[in-house]
Amino acid sequence: MSLLLWILISFVSSSVPWSLILGFIFSRTDIRTVGDKNPGGTNTIKLSGIKVGLIAILLDISKSFFPVYLAINYGINSYELIFICLAAISGSIFSPFLKFKGSKSLSVTCGIWLAISSGVIGPLICLMMAFSHLIQKTHIWTILFGWIGILIWVLIFSFGLEYIIIFLINFILVMYKHRKELNQKIILRNWINERKA
């Protein structure tokens, strides 16, 4: 299969707004009317409940995981993978199904890196985000701790220029979608403040 076809598959697959679709099916409401107005799984949970929301998040992870994973296992070389991953991120952020105003692409990011690492990176990301969530309340900082987990994997377990490029492109685009949140300060959990007192 040609590189251009893999890029097209990756873009189209990642552009399908599963969270929005499932949210509407089960709640008859546009999930972009609640929370942070993002067409992502968190708002599906808010409107349609935890079960539907988790299915939506799983589908949003899968829509980038499968194109990237299959491309890796069907002969795409590591530098061609950069374009396939970029297509996945772009499809999610600039979805033609949403008038090019897509999601913040955290699930798609997760799918890409799970595919690249054959699932190994998943526990590391979860551990970093869980640690962040345990000590502070600010959502953007929990996300940034997840990115530190990805960076640790790239630098220690699979140091390669292609993965650094994918990481940088992915990080820049996702942070662009979170740009309004980047000035938020860390708000420590009450149990830490109590220990300081």
Protein backbone atom coordinates (compact mmCIF):
# COMPACT_ATOMS: atom_id res chain seq x y z
CA MET A 1 0.00 0.00 0.00
CA SER A 2 1.33 3.43 -0.90
CA LEU A 3 2.28 6.06 1.64
CA LEU A 4 -0.38 8.46 0.29
CA LEU A 5 -3.09 5.87 0.87
CA TRP A 6 -1.91 5.27 4.44
CA ILE A 7 -1.94 9.04 5.02
CA LEU A 8 -5.50 9.29 3.67
CA ILE A 9 -6.70 6.34 5.79
CA SER A 10 -5.08 7.83 8.89
CA PHE A 11 -6.59 11.28 8.29
CA VAL A 12 -10.12 10.08 7.53
CA SER A 13 -10.20 7.54 10.34
CA SER A 14 -8.99 10.06 12.92
CA SER A 15 -11.40 12.73 11.76
CA VAL A 16 -14.54 10.73 12.67
CA PRO A 17 -15.97 12.41 15.82
CA TRP A 18 -17.03 9.29 17.72
CA SER A 19 -17.55 11.09 21.03
CA LEU A 20 -19.89 13.58 19.37
CA ILE A 21 -21.78 10.82 17.54
CA LEU A 22 -22.27 8.61 20.60
CA GLY A 23 -23.10 11.60 22.79
CA PHE A 24 -25.84 12.64 20.38
CA ILE A 25 -27.21 9.10 19.98
CA PHE A 26 -27.53 8.55 23.73
CA SER A 27 -28.37 12.05 24.98
CA ARG A 28 -29.87 13.75 21.91
CA THR A 29 -27.65 16.72 22.72
CA ASP A 30 -24.54 18.17 21.11
CA ILE A 31 -21.70 17.49 23.58
CA ARG A 32 -20.11 20.77 22.49
CA THR A 33 -22.75 22.60 24.53
CA VAL A 34 -21.28 21.43 27.87
CA GLY A 35 -17.98 21.57 29.74
CA ASP A 36 -15.12 22.96 27.70
CA LYS A 37 -17.19 22.75 24.45
CA ASN A 38 -14.73 20.16 23.09
CA PRO A 39 -16.17 17.28 21.02
CA GLY A 40 -14.31 14.77 23.18
CA GLY A 41 -14.96 11.89 25.54
CA THR A 42 -15.04 13.91 28.76
CA ASN A 43 -18.09 15.82 27.59
CA THR A 44 -19.70 12.57 26.43
CA ILE A 45 -19.30 11.27 29.99
CA LYS A 46 -20.94 14.44 31.33
CA LEU A 47 -23.97 14.10 29.05
CA SER A 48 -24.36 10.36 28.48
CA GLY A 49 -22.76 8.72 31.49
CA ILE A 50 -19.54 6.87 32.23
CA LYS A 51 -20.26 3.75 30.14
CA VAL A 52 -21.06 5.62 26.93
CA GLY A 53 -18.22 8.05 27.58
CA LEU A 54 -15.65 5.30 28.02
CA ILE A 55 -16.81 3.60 24.81
CA ALA A 56 -16.46 6.97 23.02
CA ILE A 57 -12.95 7.45 24.41
CA LEU A 58 -11.99 3.90 23.37
CA LEU A 59 -13.26 4.55 19.83
CA ASP A 60 -11.40 7.88 19.73
CA ILE A 61 -8.18 6.10 20.75
CA SER A 62 -8.79 3.31 18.24
CA LYS A 63 -9.34 5.65 15.29
CA SER A 64 -5.65 6.62 15.34
CA PHE A 65 -4.26 3.43 16.90
CA PHE A 66 -5.29 1.08 14.10
CA PRO A 67 -4.04 3.11 11.09
CA VAL A 68 -0.68 3.77 12.78
CA TYR A 69 -0.29 0.22 14.13
CA LEU A 70 -1.21 -1.40 10.81
CA ALA A 71 1.08 0.94 8.86
CA ILE A 72 3.99 0.03 11.17
CA ASN A 73 3.30 -3.67 10.71
CA TYR A 74 2.81 -3.52 6.94
CA GLY A 75 6.16 -2.14 5.89
CA ILE A 76 5.99 1.62 6.43
CA ASN A 77 9.43 2.87 7.40
CA SER A 78 10.01 5.03 10.45
CA TYR A 79 10.31 8.33 8.59
CA GLU A 80 7.16 7.69 6.53
CA LEU A 81 5.45 7.12 9.88
CA ILE A 82 5.91 10.83 10.66
CA PHE A 83 3.45 11.72 7.88
CA ILE A 84 0.93 9.06 8.93
CA CYS A 85 0.98 10.32 12.53
CA LEU A 86 0.71 13.94 11.37
CA ALA A 87 -2.32 12.92 9.28
CA ALA A 88 -3.95 11.33 12.34
CA ILE A 89 -3.41 14.41 14.51
CA SER A 90 -4.54 16.76 11.73
CA GLY A 91 -7.64 14.67 11.03
CA SER A 92 -8.67 14.95 14.66
CA ILE A 93 -7.88 18.64 15.15
CA PHE A 94 -9.11 19.81 11.73
CA SER A 95 -11.92 17.30 11.14
CA PRO A 96 -13.81 17.92 7.88
CA PHE A 97 -16.85 16.38 9.60
CA LEU A 98 -16.81 19.27 12.10
CA LYS A 99 -16.13 22.11 9.66
CA PHE A 100 -12.40 21.77 10.42
CA LYS A 101 -12.97 22.55 14.12
CA GLY A 102 -12.14 19.23 15.73
CA SER A 103 -11.20 17.99 19.17
CA LYS A 104 -8.23 18.65 21.43
CA SER A 105 -6.87 15.27 20.27
CA LEU A 106 -5.77 13.71 23.56
CA SER A 107 -7.37 10.34 22.72
CA VAL A 108 -5.86 10.40 19.23
CA THR A 109 -2.47 11.20 20.76
CA CYS A 110 -2.87 8.26 23.10
CA GLY A 111 -3.76 5.99 20.18
CA ILE A 112 -0.72 7.08 18.17
CA TRP A 113 1.74 6.42 21.00
CA LEU A 114 0.10 3.15 22.02
CA ALA A 115 0.54 1.98 18.42
CA ILE A 116 4.15 3.15 18.19
CA SER A 117 5.09 1.50 21.49
CA SER A 118 2.88 -1.60 21.01
CA GLY A 119 1.00 -0.60 24.16
CA VAL A 120 4.05 -0.30 26.42
CA ILE A 121 3.68 3.44 26.87
CA GLY A 122 0.11 3.23 28.20
CA PRO A 123 0.92 2.42 31.84
CA LEU A 124 3.64 5.09 31.91
CA ILE A 125 1.25 7.81 30.71
CA CYS A 126 -1.42 6.67 33.18
CA LEU A 127 1.09 6.63 36.04
CA MET A 128 2.33 10.14 35.29
CA MET A 129 -1.19 11.55 34.93
CA ALA A 130 -2.41 9.75 38.07
CA PHE A 131 0.50 11.20 40.06
CA SER A 132 -0.28 14.68 38.76
CA HIS A 133 -3.99 14.29 39.55
CA LEU A 134 -3.15 13.09 43.05
CA ILE A 135 -1.20 16.22 43.94
CA GLN A 136 -3.00 18.97 42.00
CA LYS A 137 -6.35 19.86 40.37
CA THR A 138 -5.42 21.81 37.22
CA HIS A 139 -6.41 19.81 34.13
CA ILE A 140 -3.75 21.22 31.80
CA TRP A 141 -0.99 20.23 34.21
CA THR A 142 -2.31 16.66 34.36
CA ILE A 143 -2.11 16.62 30.57
CA LEU A 144 1.44 17.98 30.64
CA PHE A 145 2.49 15.24 33.06
CA GLY A 146 1.15 12.73 30.53
CA TRP A 147 3.37 14.34 27.91
CA ILE A 148 6.35 13.93 30.22
CA GLY A 149 5.55 10.21 30.29
CA ILE A 150 5.63 10.08 26.48
CA LEU A 151 8.90 12.02 26.40
CA ILE A 152 10.48 9.64 28.93
CA TRP A 153 9.58 6.68 26.71
CA VAL A 154 10.94 8.42 23.59
CA LEU A 155 14.24 9.41 25.21
CA ILE A 156 14.93 6.24 27.19
CA PHE A 157 13.30 3.33 25.39
CA SER A 158 13.15 4.31 21.74
CA PHE A 159 15.45 7.24 21.11
CA GLY A 160 15.21 8.02 17.43
CA LEU A 161 14.96 11.21 15.40
CA GLU A 162 11.68 10.16 13.82
CA TYR A 163 10.00 9.70 17.20
CA ILE A 164 11.34 13.02 18.47
CA ILE A 165 9.88 14.70 15.36
CA ILE A 166 6.51 12.98 15.90
CA PHE A 167 6.58 13.99 19.57
CA LEU A 168 7.34 17.65 18.79
CA ILE A 169 4.70 17.96 16.06
CA ASN A 170 2.11 16.17 18.20
CA PHE A 171 2.92 18.28 21.27
CA ILE A 172 2.83 21.61 19.40
CA LEU A 173 -0.53 20.87 17.74
CA VAL A 174 -2.20 19.61 20.92
CA MET A 175 -0.87 22.54 22.94
CA TYR A 176 -2.24 24.86 20.24
CA LYS A 177 -5.69 23.38 20.96
CA HIS A 178 -5.09 23.93 24.71
CA ARG A 179 -3.59 27.42 24.31
CA LYS A 180 -6.32 29.11 26.39
CA GLU A 181 -5.53 26.85 29.35
CA LEU A 182 -1.74 27.24 29.36
CA ASN A 183 -1.77 30.26 31.69
CA GLN A 184 -3.57 28.33 34.44
CA LYS A 185 -1.67 27.93 37.67
CA ILE A 186 -1.20 24.67 39.55
CA ILE A 187 -3.82 24.31 42.29
CA LEU A 188 -2.55 21.86 44.89
CA ARG A 189 -4.85 19.31 46.50
CA ASN A 190 -6.18 20.08 49.97
CA TRP A 191 -4.21 17.26 51.58
CA ILE A 192 -0.93 18.84 50.45
CA ASN A 193 -1.95 22.29 51.69
CA GLU A 194 -2.96 20.75 55.03
CA ARG A 195 0.46 19.15 55.40
CA LYS A 196 2.13 22.49 54.70
CA ALA A 197 0.00 24.25 57.33
